[in-house]
Protein backbone atom coordinates (compact mmCIF):
# COMPACT_ATOMS: atom_id res chain seq x y z
CA MET A 1 24.40 97.95 -182.96
CA SER A 2 24.00 94.92 -185.19
CA MET A 3 20.62 93.88 -186.48
CA ASN A 4 21.11 90.48 -184.84
CA ALA A 5 21.42 92.13 -181.42
CA PHE A 6 18.20 94.13 -181.79
CA PRO A 7 15.69 91.25 -181.22
CA SER A 8 17.58 90.25 -178.07
CA LEU A 9 17.47 93.83 -176.82
CA LEU A 10 13.77 94.05 -177.62
CA ARG A 11 13.09 90.88 -175.69
CA ARG A 12 15.05 92.25 -172.74
CA SER A 13 13.12 95.55 -172.83
CA ARG A 14 9.78 93.76 -172.87
CA LEU A 15 10.84 91.63 -169.93
CA ALA A 16 12.28 94.55 -167.99
CA PRO A 17 9.08 95.18 -165.97
CA LEU A 18 8.91 91.49 -165.11
CA ALA A 19 12.56 91.42 -164.07
CA LEU A 20 12.06 94.53 -161.95
CA ALA A 21 8.96 93.06 -160.32
CA CYS A 22 10.82 89.83 -159.51
CA SER A 23 13.68 91.83 -158.07
CA LEU A 24 11.33 93.80 -155.82
CA LEU A 25 9.46 90.70 -154.75
CA MET A 26 12.61 88.71 -153.93
CA SER A 27 14.30 91.60 -152.10
CA GLY A 28 11.23 92.34 -149.97
CA ALA A 29 11.27 96.01 -150.95
CA ALA A 30 8.75 98.04 -148.95
CA TRP A 31 5.83 99.63 -150.78
CA SER A 32 4.38 102.66 -149.01
CA GLN A 33 0.63 102.56 -148.39
CA ALA A 34 0.41 106.34 -148.14
CA ALA A 35 -0.25 108.18 -151.37
CA PRO A 36 0.99 111.78 -151.43
CA GLY A 37 -1.41 114.00 -149.54
CA SER A 38 -3.64 111.11 -148.47
CA SER A 39 -2.44 110.50 -144.93
CA ALA A 40 -5.30 109.72 -142.57
CA ALA A 41 -6.24 112.18 -139.85
CA PRO A 42 -6.12 110.98 -136.23
CA ALA A 43 -9.34 110.00 -134.53
CA PRO A 44 -11.07 112.87 -132.71
CA ALA A 45 -11.64 112.64 -128.98
CA ALA A 46 -15.06 111.48 -127.92
CA ALA A 47 -17.65 114.23 -128.03
CA GLN A 48 -15.14 116.73 -129.27
CA ALA A 49 -15.30 118.21 -132.76
CA PRO A 50 -12.08 117.72 -134.76
CA ALA A 51 -10.19 120.86 -135.74
CA GLY A 52 -11.79 122.52 -138.73
CA VAL A 53 -15.21 120.95 -138.23
CA ASP A 54 -18.07 123.45 -138.47
CA MET A 55 -20.79 123.84 -135.86
CA VAL A 56 -24.15 122.68 -137.18
CA SER A 57 -25.73 126.08 -136.55
CA SER A 58 -23.50 127.59 -139.27
CA LEU A 59 -25.67 125.74 -141.80
CA SER A 60 -28.98 127.00 -140.42
CA ASN A 61 -30.87 130.19 -141.15
CA ILE A 62 -32.47 130.14 -137.71
CA PRO A 63 -30.31 132.02 -135.18
CA ALA A 64 -29.56 130.64 -131.75
CA PRO A 65 -31.48 132.26 -128.89
CA THR A 66 -29.96 135.27 -127.18
CA LEU A 67 -28.93 134.26 -123.67
CA GLY A 68 -27.68 136.19 -120.68
CA ALA A 69 -24.72 133.99 -119.78
CA LYS A 70 -20.93 134.14 -119.82
CA ALA A 71 -20.63 131.04 -122.00
CA TRP A 72 -22.91 128.29 -123.27
CA LEU A 73 -23.00 125.30 -125.63
CA THR A 74 -25.54 122.83 -126.95
CA LEU A 75 -24.52 119.36 -128.10
CA ASP A 76 -26.25 116.40 -129.70
CA ALA A 77 -25.26 113.49 -127.47
CA THR A 78 -25.83 110.84 -130.15
CA SER A 79 -23.71 112.36 -132.90
CA GLY A 80 -21.34 114.20 -130.58
CA GLN A 81 -21.64 117.34 -132.71
CA ILE A 82 -21.70 120.83 -131.24
CA ILE A 83 -24.88 122.46 -132.51
CA ALA A 84 -24.05 125.97 -131.34
CA ALA A 85 -21.87 127.67 -128.75
CA GLN A 86 -20.77 131.00 -127.33
CA ASN A 87 -17.27 131.28 -125.87
CA PRO A 88 -16.87 127.47 -125.83
CA GLN A 89 -13.18 127.55 -124.84
CA GLU A 90 -13.21 130.48 -122.43
CA ALA A 91 -11.88 129.55 -118.98
CA VAL A 92 -14.74 129.43 -116.47
CA GLU A 93 -15.29 128.35 -112.88
CA PRO A 94 -17.31 125.11 -112.78
CA ALA A 95 -18.52 125.51 -109.15
CA SER A 96 -20.62 122.43 -108.30
CA LEU A 97 -20.61 121.28 -111.92
CA THR A 98 -17.32 119.78 -110.72
CA LYS A 99 -19.41 117.06 -109.09
CA LEU A 100 -20.08 115.64 -112.56
CA MET A 101 -16.44 114.58 -112.76
CA SER A 102 -16.54 113.37 -109.16
CA ALA A 103 -19.57 111.28 -110.13
CA TYR A 104 -17.75 109.89 -113.18
CA VAL A 105 -14.82 108.67 -111.08
CA ILE A 106 -17.18 107.23 -108.43
CA PHE A 107 -19.29 105.45 -111.07
CA GLU A 108 -16.11 103.91 -112.48
CA ALA A 109 -15.24 102.64 -109.00
CA LEU A 110 -18.72 101.12 -108.70
CA GLU A 111 -18.48 99.41 -112.08
CA SER A 112 -15.04 97.98 -111.31
CA GLY A 113 -16.22 96.61 -107.96
CA ARG A 114 -13.92 98.83 -105.88
CA LEU A 115 -17.02 100.39 -104.34
CA LYS A 116 -20.50 99.04 -103.58
CA LEU A 117 -23.77 100.97 -103.33
CA ASP A 118 -24.63 99.36 -99.99
CA GLN A 119 -21.11 99.85 -98.64
CA LYS A 120 -20.87 101.96 -95.49
CA VAL A 121 -18.49 104.93 -95.62
CA HIS A 122 -17.05 106.35 -92.42
CA VAL A 123 -17.49 110.13 -92.37
CA SER A 124 -14.25 111.90 -91.48
CA GLU A 125 -13.90 115.19 -89.65
CA LYS A 126 -12.51 116.69 -92.87
CA ALA A 127 -15.58 115.67 -94.87
CA TRP A 128 -17.94 116.93 -92.16
CA LYS A 129 -16.20 120.31 -92.03
CA THR A 130 -16.27 120.92 -95.78
CA GLU A 131 -17.79 124.36 -96.38
CA GLY A 132 -20.60 125.25 -98.75
CA SER A 133 -23.76 123.29 -99.56
CA ARG A 134 -24.28 120.29 -97.32
CA MET A 135 -25.99 116.93 -96.96
CA PHE A 136 -25.69 117.39 -93.18
CA ILE A 137 -23.91 114.13 -92.48
CA ASN A 138 -22.50 113.72 -88.98
CA PRO A 139 -18.82 113.09 -88.27
CA ASN A 140 -17.64 109.62 -87.22
CA THR A 141 -20.82 108.00 -88.52
CA ASP A 142 -21.25 105.41 -91.26
CA VAL A 143 -23.32 106.34 -94.32
CA SER A 144 -24.02 104.17 -97.39
CA VAL A 145 -22.57 105.01 -100.79
CA ASP A 146 -26.11 105.14 -102.18
CA GLU A 147 -27.12 107.78 -99.65
CA LEU A 148 -23.95 109.78 -100.22
CA LEU A 149 -24.55 109.77 -103.99
CA GLN A 150 -28.02 111.21 -103.39
CA GLY A 151 -26.50 113.75 -101.05
CA MET A 152 -23.93 114.73 -103.68
CA LEU A 153 -26.10 114.78 -106.81
CA VAL A 154 -29.55 115.70 -105.48
CA GLN A 155 -28.60 117.98 -102.57
CA SER A 156 -25.21 119.04 -104.02
CA GLY A 157 -23.59 118.26 -100.68
CA ASN A 158 -19.92 119.15 -100.54
CA ASP A 159 -19.56 117.06 -97.38
CA ALA A 160 -20.98 113.99 -99.16
CA THR A 161 -18.62 114.55 -102.09
CA VAL A 162 -15.51 114.61 -99.92
CA ALA A 163 -16.68 111.53 -98.00
CA LEU A 164 -17.07 109.63 -101.28
CA ALA A 165 -13.72 110.90 -102.55
CA GLU A 166 -12.01 109.54 -99.44
CA ALA A 167 -13.82 106.21 -99.83
CA VAL A 168 -12.62 105.82 -103.42
CA ALA A 169 -9.04 107.08 -103.18
CA GLY A 170 -8.16 107.32 -99.50
CA SER A 171 -7.90 111.10 -99.54
CA GLU A 172 -9.43 114.01 -101.40
CA SER A 173 -6.08 114.96 -102.94
CA ALA A 174 -5.61 111.45 -104.35
CA PHE A 175 -9.18 111.55 -105.69
CA VAL A 176 -8.53 114.91 -107.39
CA ALA A 177 -5.54 113.32 -109.14
CA LEU A 178 -7.94 110.68 -110.52
CA MET A 179 -10.31 113.45 -111.64
CA ASN A 180 -7.57 115.20 -113.59
CA GLN A 181 -6.38 111.92 -115.05
CA GLN A 182 -9.90 111.12 -116.24
CA ALA A 183 -10.35 114.62 -117.67
CA LYS A 184 -7.23 114.13 -119.77
CA ALA A 185 -8.40 110.70 -120.95
CA LEU A 186 -11.74 112.15 -122.08
CA GLY A 187 -10.04 114.91 -124.07
CA MET A 188 -10.93 117.78 -121.72
CA LYS A 189 -7.96 119.85 -122.79
CA HIS A 190 -8.70 123.03 -120.84
CA THR A 191 -9.73 121.59 -117.48
CA HIS A 192 -7.90 121.39 -114.14
CA PHE A 193 -9.43 120.42 -110.81
CA THR A 194 -8.04 121.22 -107.37
CA ASN A 195 -10.88 119.85 -105.21
CA ALA A 196 -13.73 117.34 -105.48
CA PRO A 197 -16.87 119.44 -104.72
CA GLY A 198 -16.07 122.55 -106.78
CA LEU A 199 -15.03 125.11 -104.16
CA PRO A 200 -13.59 128.35 -105.60
CA ASP A 201 -9.89 128.22 -106.45
CA PRO A 202 -7.99 130.26 -109.08
CA ASP A 203 -6.52 127.02 -110.50
CA HIS A 204 -9.86 125.17 -110.58
CA MET A 205 -11.05 125.90 -114.12
CA THR A 206 -12.75 124.37 -117.15
CA THR A 207 -14.68 125.38 -120.31
CA VAL A 208 -18.23 124.75 -121.48
CA GLU A 209 -16.77 122.64 -124.31
CA ASP A 210 -15.00 120.40 -121.81
CA LEU A 211 -18.10 120.17 -119.65
CA ALA A 212 -20.08 119.03 -122.70
CA ILE A 213 -17.50 116.28 -123.33
CA LEU A 214 -17.89 115.14 -119.73
CA ALA A 215 -21.70 115.28 -119.78
CA ARG A 216 -21.89 113.22 -122.96
CA ALA A 217 -19.50 110.64 -121.54
CA LEU A 218 -21.63 110.37 -118.40
CA VAL A 219 -24.95 109.82 -120.16
CA GLN A 220 -23.45 107.35 -122.63
CA ARG A 221 -21.28 105.28 -120.32
CA PHE A 222 -23.35 105.30 -117.12
CA PRO A 223 -27.07 105.34 -118.02
CA GLN A 224 -27.69 103.00 -115.06
CA TYR A 225 -27.02 105.92 -112.68
CA ARG A 226 -29.22 108.45 -114.46
CA HIS A 227 -31.78 108.29 -111.65
CA TYR A 228 -29.50 110.10 -109.20
CA ASP A 229 -29.33 113.40 -111.09
CA SER A 230 -33.00 113.22 -112.13
CA GLN A 231 -34.20 112.71 -108.53
CA LYS A 232 -36.19 115.71 -107.39
CA GLU A 233 -35.60 115.56 -103.64
CA PHE A 234 -33.83 113.64 -100.91
CA THR A 235 -34.29 113.59 -97.15
CA TYR A 236 -31.40 112.79 -94.83
CA ASN A 237 -31.02 113.42 -91.12
CA ASN A 238 -34.66 114.61 -91.14
CA ILE A 239 -33.69 117.42 -93.53
CA LYS A 240 -35.43 117.42 -96.92
CA GLN A 241 -33.69 119.22 -99.75
CA SER A 242 -34.83 119.66 -103.35
CA ASN A 243 -32.73 119.23 -106.44
CA ARG A 244 -31.67 122.70 -107.59
CA ASN A 245 -32.26 121.78 -111.25
CA ARG A 246 -35.66 123.42 -111.75
CA LEU A 247 -35.96 121.94 -115.25
CA LEU A 248 -36.85 118.60 -113.66
CA TRP A 249 -40.21 120.19 -112.75
CA ALA A 250 -40.58 122.36 -115.87
CA ASP A 251 -40.04 119.67 -118.53
CA SER A 252 -40.68 115.93 -118.15
CA THR A 253 -38.10 115.07 -120.83
CA VAL A 254 -35.26 116.56 -118.76
CA ASP A 255 -33.44 113.90 -116.68
CA GLY A 256 -30.27 115.64 -115.44
CA LEU A 257 -27.59 116.68 -114.90
CA LYS A 258 -26.24 119.24 -112.39
CA THR A 259 -26.40 122.82 -111.19
CA GLY A 260 -23.60 124.98 -109.84
CA HIS A 261 -23.33 128.36 -108.16
CA THR A 262 -20.83 130.57 -106.43
CA GLN A 263 -20.69 134.34 -106.30
CA SER A 264 -17.76 134.43 -108.72
CA ALA A 265 -19.02 131.68 -111.08
CA GLY A 266 -22.62 132.87 -111.25
CA TYR A 267 -25.47 130.43 -111.81
CA CYS A 268 -24.54 127.40 -113.92
CA LEU A 269 -26.41 124.39 -115.29
CA VAL A 270 -25.57 121.33 -117.35
CA ALA A 271 -28.91 119.93 -118.51
CA THR A 272 -29.92 117.03 -120.71
CA ALA A 273 -33.22 115.91 -122.21
CA LEU A 274 -34.35 112.85 -124.14
CA ARG A 275 -37.08 113.33 -126.73
CA ASP A 276 -38.18 110.67 -129.22
CA GLY A 277 -34.95 108.74 -128.70
CA ARG A 278 -32.70 111.74 -129.28
CA ARG A 279 -30.61 113.23 -126.47
CA VAL A 280 -29.35 116.82 -126.32
CA VAL A 281 -27.00 118.31 -123.70
CA SER A 282 -26.89 122.02 -122.86
CA VAL A 283 -24.14 123.70 -120.85
CA LEU A 284 -24.58 127.22 -119.48
CA VAL A 285 -22.39 129.15 -117.03
CA GLY A 286 -22.39 132.65 -115.57
CA ALA A 287 -26.13 133.40 -115.55
CA ALA A 288 -27.37 136.13 -113.23
CA SER A 289 -29.93 134.06 -111.33
CA ASP A 290 -31.45 130.64 -110.80
CA ALA A 291 -34.44 131.66 -112.93
CA ALA A 292 -32.17 132.92 -115.72
CA ARG A 293 -30.14 129.70 -115.93
CA THR A 294 -33.33 127.62 -115.95
CA GLU A 295 -35.06 129.68 -118.63
CA SER A 296 -31.96 129.97 -120.83
CA SER A 297 -31.18 126.26 -120.62
CA LEU A 298 -34.72 125.34 -121.61
CA LYS A 299 -34.50 127.75 -124.55
CA LEU A 300 -31.32 126.04 -125.71
CA LEU A 301 -32.82 122.55 -125.44
CA ASN A 302 -36.05 123.51 -127.23
CA TRP A 303 -34.18 125.33 -130.02
CA SER A 304 -31.85 122.36 -130.55
CA PHE A 305 -34.65 119.80 -130.73
CA LYS A 306 -36.93 121.92 -132.89
CA ASN A 307 -34.50 123.07 -135.56
CA PHE A 308 -32.12 120.13 -136.01
CA ASP A 309 -32.35 116.44 -136.84
CA THR A 310 -29.95 113.60 -136.09
CA VAL A 311 -29.82 110.81 -138.67
CA LYS A 312 -27.92 107.55 -138.95
CA LEU A 313 -25.71 107.35 -142.03
CA LEU A 314 -23.90 104.08 -141.40
CA ASP A 315 -24.24 101.13 -139.05
CA LYS A 316 -21.33 99.79 -137.05
CA GLY A 317 -19.50 97.11 -139.00
CA LYS A 318 -21.14 98.01 -142.32
CA PRO A 319 -18.81 98.94 -145.21
CA ALA A 320 -18.60 102.58 -146.21
CA VAL A 321 -16.52 101.68 -149.27
CA SER A 322 -15.06 98.63 -150.98
CA ALA A 323 -11.45 99.49 -151.82
CA ARG A 324 -9.00 97.91 -154.29
CA VAL A 325 -6.26 95.93 -152.53
CA TRP A 326 -2.93 95.13 -154.15
CA GLU A 327 -0.99 91.92 -153.56
CA GLY A 328 -3.84 90.54 -151.48
CA ALA A 329 -5.57 87.18 -151.30
CA THR A 330 -8.70 89.12 -152.32
CA GLU A 331 -8.85 92.11 -154.65
CA THR A 332 -11.01 94.30 -152.40
CA ALA A 333 -11.24 95.25 -148.74
CA GLU A 334 -14.32 96.51 -146.94
CA LEU A 335 -13.62 99.74 -145.06
CA GLY A 336 -15.97 101.06 -142.37
CA LEU A 337 -16.25 102.55 -138.88
CA SER A 338 -15.84 101.24 -135.35
CA GLU A 339 -19.19 102.78 -134.32
CA ALA A 340 -22.42 103.73 -136.04
CA LEU A 341 -22.26 107.12 -137.75
CA TRP A 342 -24.91 109.62 -136.68
CA VAL A 343 -24.94 113.15 -138.06
CA THR A 344 -26.81 116.23 -136.87
CA VAL A 345 -28.02 118.67 -139.54
CA PRO A 346 -30.59 121.47 -139.84
CA ARG A 347 -34.09 120.02 -139.99
CA GLY A 348 -35.04 118.80 -143.46
CA ARG A 349 -31.45 118.67 -144.79
CA ALA A 350 -30.68 114.97 -144.23
CA ASP A 351 -30.84 114.14 -147.96
CA ASP A 352 -28.16 116.74 -148.71
CA ILE A 353 -25.44 115.15 -146.57
CA LYS A 354 -22.36 114.07 -148.54
CA THR A 355 -19.69 111.55 -147.51
CA GLU A 356 -16.23 111.04 -148.97
CA ALA A 357 -13.86 108.17 -148.19
CA ARG A 358 -10.20 109.13 -148.30
CA TYR A 359 -7.84 106.21 -147.92
CA THR A 360 -4.22 105.33 -148.66
CA GLN A 361 -3.41 104.33 -152.22
CA PRO A 362 -2.12 101.95 -153.31
CA LEU A 363 -3.66 99.90 -150.52
CA MET A 364 -1.26 97.02 -149.97
CA ALA A 365 -1.83 93.64 -148.32
CA PRO A 366 -1.53 92.35 -145.71
CA LEU A 367 -4.26 94.37 -143.97
CA THR A 368 -5.08 93.78 -140.31
CA GLU A 369 -8.68 93.90 -139.12
CA GLY A 370 -9.28 97.22 -137.35
CA ALA A 371 -6.28 98.98 -138.90
CA GLN A 372 -6.90 102.63 -139.82
CA VAL A 373 -6.21 103.26 -143.49
CA GLY A 374 -8.02 106.53 -144.08
CA THR A 375 -10.77 108.91 -143.06
CA LEU A 376 -14.48 109.20 -143.81
CA MET A 377 -15.44 112.86 -144.29
CA VAL A 378 -19.02 114.12 -143.79
CA SER A 379 -20.10 117.47 -145.18
CA LEU A 380 -23.10 119.62 -146.02
CA ASP A 381 -22.99 122.56 -148.42
CA GLY A 382 -19.22 122.19 -148.59
CA LYS A 383 -18.79 122.54 -144.82
CA GLU A 384 -17.26 119.69 -142.89
CA LEU A 385 -19.54 118.26 -140.20
CA ASP A 386 -17.56 115.25 -139.03
CA ARG A 387 -14.65 113.00 -139.81
CA ARG A 388 -14.10 109.44 -138.65
CA PRO A 389 -11.22 106.96 -138.88
CA LEU A 390 -11.78 104.54 -141.79
CA LEU A 391 -10.93 101.03 -140.64
CA VAL A 392 -10.36 97.64 -142.27
CA LEU A 393 -13.43 95.58 -141.38
CA HIS A 394 -11.98 92.18 -142.34
CA ALA A 395 -8.33 91.18 -142.55
CA VAL A 396 -6.80 90.65 -146.00
CA ASP A 397 -3.85 88.25 -146.23
CA GLU A 398 -1.05 88.50 -148.74
CA ALA A 399 -1.50 86.67 -152.04
CA GLY A 400 0.86 83.91 -153.10
CA PHE A 401 4.12 84.52 -154.95
CA PHE A 402 2.63 84.77 -158.41
CA GLY A 403 -0.36 86.82 -157.27
CA ARG A 404 1.95 89.37 -155.67
CA LEU A 405 4.18 89.30 -158.75
CA LEU A 406 1.25 89.99 -161.06
CA ASP A 407 0.07 92.94 -158.97
CA LYS A 408 3.58 94.42 -158.89
CA ILE A 409 3.61 94.32 -162.68
CA ARG A 410 0.17 95.95 -162.84
CA LEU A 411 1.27 98.68 -160.45
CA LEU A 412 4.15 99.57 -162.73
CA PHE A 413 1.63 100.69 -165.34
CA GLU A 414 -0.79 102.44 -162.98
């Protein structure tokens, strides 16, 4: 090579990054936003712990109470975290706890206007003949939706449940299809219903984990109907029946939800209490007696309130992190969550919570508002408590030609 050619070659080598950047910019070459190993995890289902997330009780030195039940679970309704559980995914018979899903579908019909509380429902022979616990409605009579809801949730009337199912969907079988559809939408992965009231059937099964998902969804989405399952008694057809949830008398903070019992399922109870603005849900199935399910459920609620705190870490719409954006009209993007972040931890450990934002790098414009670009991890003592999708809070447009060109050059040296 001649000495005269060397300066030209040097100039070309110094301009090589610029030429490459121009080539990429003009050709529209795609730049991946996913750095190796940094792909974002999918959003967990509501009220359901993501795979790998530890129960809060694993961080506490105070053991859960010993309970005589087939399976049980306690859940903080605000954070959605499971505090403790025994056999959470074991298949169990829900008995009349099934009526919680029936109520969910009926409440949805009320909210959408397909059903009215003062609407009269004609009682069919099929509804009147339904076996098991009863509201004692008469066939070929008209009963209001409001009365039937009291009959279903206060008196646990199977006849009232079938009458409401027929009013919503035309038939009980069509209503059951809606129940199973809703269970799937809520993330109740181990649940299948075959009837509306909860009559025994080998294919009518759920888990305490799924029941906790349902209970949390009920108290969060339909607080306007809380009075039905906290009502202590209801009289219809001159027959007064008391709510079978004895906790409504034992503890003034308890305001629901539902009991269940068959010989094969044992005594079951999904209970919830609100204390100082914090709501806890307990699910217990397979107890030996009414007294046992009441006492055990109260133990679970008291233990959960006494030994654990729920704290807010981040408000909805507030940035969790300000991330570097490449080729954008602005150099940073605010990343946050779609909902406020509440975390349940052993009492006194709130200051020890750690968060880590994991997001795609390089983060390339344009960025759409609400797009998921990573995950916010929450941990305590190295154990993962929660993970949430990390979203773009405000859209970031692409920069102009020269701004994009400059960032492409910078990226070459990153």
